[in-house]
Amino acid sequence: MEQNGWDVVWEEGSSSEWIVEYVVEQGSERSRHLSLLLAEDPDGVREALIEEIRAEYPDAGHLEITVVRLEAVEELGDLAHAGDAVP
């Protein structure tokens, strides 16, 4: 196990990374989010997403959530990078 600066404990081989893009509608306001979540399967992603939304909107009443994209992250080690950002 490895502890990082965000108080998250990582267990190698137990979880996968998932990209989740979703939209939150609260009344007339609409926010788009993109998250990288750790989970074993899509059910685990759903649970992690619910936790994230509860933390982001702690006092919200009714929220409409639309998941736009959900995909497992593939190995990025050999991916070519073109741009100014350093991966």
Protein backbone atom coordinates (compact mmCIF):
# COMPACT_ATOMS: atom_id res chain seq x y z
CA MET A 1 0.00 0.00 0.00
CA GLU A 2 1.07 3.52 -0.71
CA GLN A 3 -0.24 6.68 0.97
CA ASN A 4 -0.20 9.88 -1.07
CA GLY A 5 -0.69 13.51 -0.07
CA TRP A 6 -4.47 13.34 -0.57
CA ASP A 7 -5.15 10.83 2.22
CA VAL A 8 -5.99 8.12 -0.30
CA VAL A 9 -4.62 4.64 0.20
CA TRP A 10 -3.72 2.85 -3.05
CA GLU A 11 -3.60 -0.93 -3.16
CA GLU A 12 -1.79 -2.13 -6.25
CA GLY A 13 -3.87 -4.38 -8.47
CA SER A 14 -7.13 -3.85 -6.60
CA SER A 15 -8.65 -0.97 -8.59
CA SER A 16 -8.70 0.51 -12.05
CA GLU A 17 -8.85 4.13 -13.07
CA TRP A 18 -12.03 5.31 -14.77
CA ILE A 19 -12.76 8.56 -16.58
CA VAL A 20 -16.23 9.87 -15.80
CA GLU A 21 -17.71 12.91 -17.50
CA TYR A 22 -21.00 14.06 -16.06
CA VAL A 23 -23.40 17.00 -15.89
CA VAL A 24 -25.04 18.24 -12.70
CA GLU A 25 -28.23 20.28 -12.92
CA GLN A 26 -29.39 22.10 -9.82
CA GLY A 27 -32.37 24.31 -10.46
CA SER A 28 -31.43 26.54 -13.41
CA GLU A 29 -27.66 26.00 -12.96
CA ARG A 30 -25.77 23.42 -14.97
CA SER A 31 -22.18 22.28 -14.31
CA ARG A 32 -20.06 19.88 -16.36
CA HIS A 33 -17.46 17.74 -14.55
CA LEU A 34 -14.64 15.43 -15.60
CA SER A 35 -13.24 13.07 -12.96
CA LEU A 36 -10.72 10.29 -12.66
CA LEU A 37 -12.04 7.73 -10.18
CA LEU A 38 -10.66 4.49 -8.75
CA ALA A 39 -12.94 1.47 -8.73
CA GLU A 40 -12.94 -2.25 -9.46
CA ASP A 41 -15.96 -2.18 -11.79
CA PRO A 42 -18.77 0.12 -13.04
CA ASP A 43 -20.75 -0.44 -9.81
CA GLY A 44 -17.75 0.79 -7.82
CA VAL A 45 -17.50 3.80 -10.13
CA ARG A 46 -21.14 4.63 -9.40
CA GLU A 47 -20.47 4.53 -5.66
CA ALA A 48 -17.32 6.65 -5.99
CA LEU A 49 -19.20 9.15 -8.15
CA ILE A 50 -22.00 9.45 -5.58
CA GLU A 51 -19.40 10.14 -2.87
CA GLU A 52 -17.75 12.79 -5.05
CA ILE A 53 -21.07 14.51 -5.80
CA ARG A 54 -22.06 14.49 -2.12
CA ALA A 55 -18.73 16.10 -1.22
CA GLU A 56 -19.02 18.70 -4.00
CA TYR A 57 -22.68 19.58 -3.28
CA PRO A 58 -23.11 18.95 0.47
CA ASP A 59 -26.13 21.21 0.98
CA ALA A 60 -27.89 20.51 -2.31
CA GLY A 61 -31.44 19.32 -2.33
CA HIS A 62 -32.49 17.74 -5.62
CA LEU A 63 -29.81 17.24 -8.28
CA GLU A 64 -30.15 15.86 -11.80
CA ILE A 65 -27.03 13.89 -12.78
CA THR A 66 -26.32 12.81 -16.36
CA VAL A 67 -23.28 10.64 -17.05
CA VAL A 68 -21.96 11.60 -20.47
CA ARG A 69 -18.93 9.28 -20.60
CA LEU A 70 -17.67 6.35 -18.53
CA GLU A 71 -14.59 4.45 -19.64
CA ALA A 72 -11.73 2.56 -18.10
CA VAL A 73 -8.32 4.18 -18.50
CA GLU A 74 -5.95 2.14 -20.64
CA GLU A 75 -2.20 2.00 -20.04
CA LEU A 76 -0.78 5.35 -21.15
CA GLY A 77 2.93 4.48 -20.91
CA ASP A 78 3.62 4.28 -24.66
CA LEU A 79 1.29 7.07 -25.72
CA ALA A 80 2.92 9.79 -27.84
CA HIS A 81 2.37 13.31 -26.53
CA ALA A 82 2.22 16.43 -28.68
CA GLY A 83 1.65 19.72 -26.88
CA ASP A 84 2.93 22.08 -24.24
CA ALA A 85 1.80 20.14 -21.18
CA VAL A 86 4.10 17.60 -19.60
CA PRO A 87 2.31 14.36 -18.68
